[in-house]
Amino acid sequence: MSTVRYGLFIMPGFDLVSFSVCCESLRLSNEVAQEGLYSWEVVTGSGQAVESASRIAVAGRALAGESTGYDRLLIFAGSQG
């Protein structure tokens, strides 16, 4: 079985809880299966760290172009109000 590659795109004010649950779900799935079913990479629009709604900054690499090589792209957004 080939590894499913996820891009986790974070935007300013994203919800840290839903982002963490996603990361942990992928990690635990790999652990239970005892193989790398999933891989993931955190990406941002600029490649700079992005601040969550709880004011915790998370680093990521820049999402560049349409050819990312991801099988799935999940978007974590929030409100800035």
Protein backbone atom coordinates (compact mmCIF):
# COMPACT_ATOMS: atom_id res chain seq x y z
CA MET A 1 0.00 0.00 0.00
CA SER A 2 1.42 3.42 -0.89
CA THR A 3 1.61 6.29 1.58
CA VAL A 4 -1.12 8.92 1.31
CA ARG A 5 0.52 12.37 1.38
CA TYR A 6 -1.33 15.22 3.11
CA GLY A 7 -0.65 18.93 2.88
CA LEU A 8 -1.94 20.74 5.97
CA PHE A 9 -2.47 24.35 4.90
CA ILE A 10 -2.77 26.70 7.88
CA MET A 11 -4.13 30.24 7.72
CA PRO A 12 -3.98 33.02 10.34
CA GLY A 13 -6.38 32.41 13.21
CA PHE A 14 -6.70 28.68 12.50
CA ASP A 15 -8.10 26.45 15.23
CA LEU A 16 -5.20 24.72 16.96
CA VAL A 17 -7.39 21.94 18.39
CA SER A 18 -8.69 20.71 15.01
CA PHE A 19 -5.18 20.98 13.54
CA SER A 20 -3.72 18.93 16.43
CA VAL A 21 -6.45 16.31 16.23
CA CYS A 22 -5.73 15.86 12.52
CA CYS A 23 -1.97 15.47 13.07
CA GLU A 24 -2.43 13.05 15.95
CA SER A 25 -4.99 10.97 14.04
CA LEU A 26 -2.56 10.51 11.16
CA ARG A 27 0.33 9.77 13.50
CA LEU A 28 -1.64 7.26 15.58
CA SER A 29 -2.94 5.52 12.46
CA ASN A 30 0.66 4.97 11.36
CA GLU A 31 1.58 3.72 14.82
CA VAL A 32 -1.31 1.25 15.08
CA ALA A 33 -0.68 -0.03 11.55
CA GLN A 34 3.06 -0.21 12.26
CA GLU A 35 3.74 1.34 8.88
CA GLY A 36 3.66 4.71 7.16
CA LEU A 37 0.11 4.84 5.83
CA TYR A 38 0.11 8.64 5.94
CA SER A 39 2.63 11.44 5.73
CA TRP A 40 1.97 15.13 6.17
CA GLU A 41 3.59 18.49 5.75
CA VAL A 42 2.51 21.82 7.20
CA VAL A 43 2.29 24.56 4.59
CA THR A 44 1.46 28.26 4.63
CA GLY A 45 0.85 30.87 1.95
CA SER A 46 4.20 32.57 2.53
CA GLY A 47 6.41 29.97 4.19
CA GLN A 48 6.39 32.03 7.38
CA ALA A 49 5.03 30.83 10.74
CA VAL A 50 1.28 31.37 11.16
CA GLU A 51 -0.39 32.31 14.45
CA SER A 52 -3.34 30.21 15.58
CA ALA A 53 -6.45 31.58 17.27
CA SER A 54 -4.80 30.77 20.61
CA ARG A 55 -1.76 32.85 19.60
CA ILE A 56 0.59 29.89 19.15
CA ALA A 57 2.70 30.19 16.02
CA VAL A 58 3.22 27.13 13.84
CA ALA A 59 5.93 26.99 11.18
CA GLY A 60 5.37 25.65 7.70
CA ARG A 61 6.91 25.74 4.27
CA ALA A 62 5.49 27.81 1.43
CA LEU A 63 2.81 26.20 -0.70
CA ALA A 64 4.18 26.71 -4.19
CA GLY A 65 2.37 26.15 -7.45
CA GLU A 66 -0.28 23.66 -8.35
CA SER A 67 2.03 20.64 -8.41
CA THR A 68 2.61 19.91 -4.73
CA GLY A 69 2.64 16.14 -4.87
CA TYR A 70 -0.02 15.93 -2.15
CA ASP A 71 -2.80 13.40 -2.45
CA ARG A 72 -4.98 15.54 -0.17
CA LEU A 73 -4.82 19.19 0.89
CA LEU A 74 -6.59 20.08 4.13
CA ILE A 75 -7.22 23.74 4.92
CA PHE A 76 -7.27 25.04 8.50
CA ALA A 77 -8.71 28.55 8.62
CA GLY A 78 -10.24 30.74 11.28
CA SER A 79 -11.63 34.14 11.99
CA GLN A 80 -9.49 37.09 12.87
CA GLY A 81 -12.17 39.12 14.58
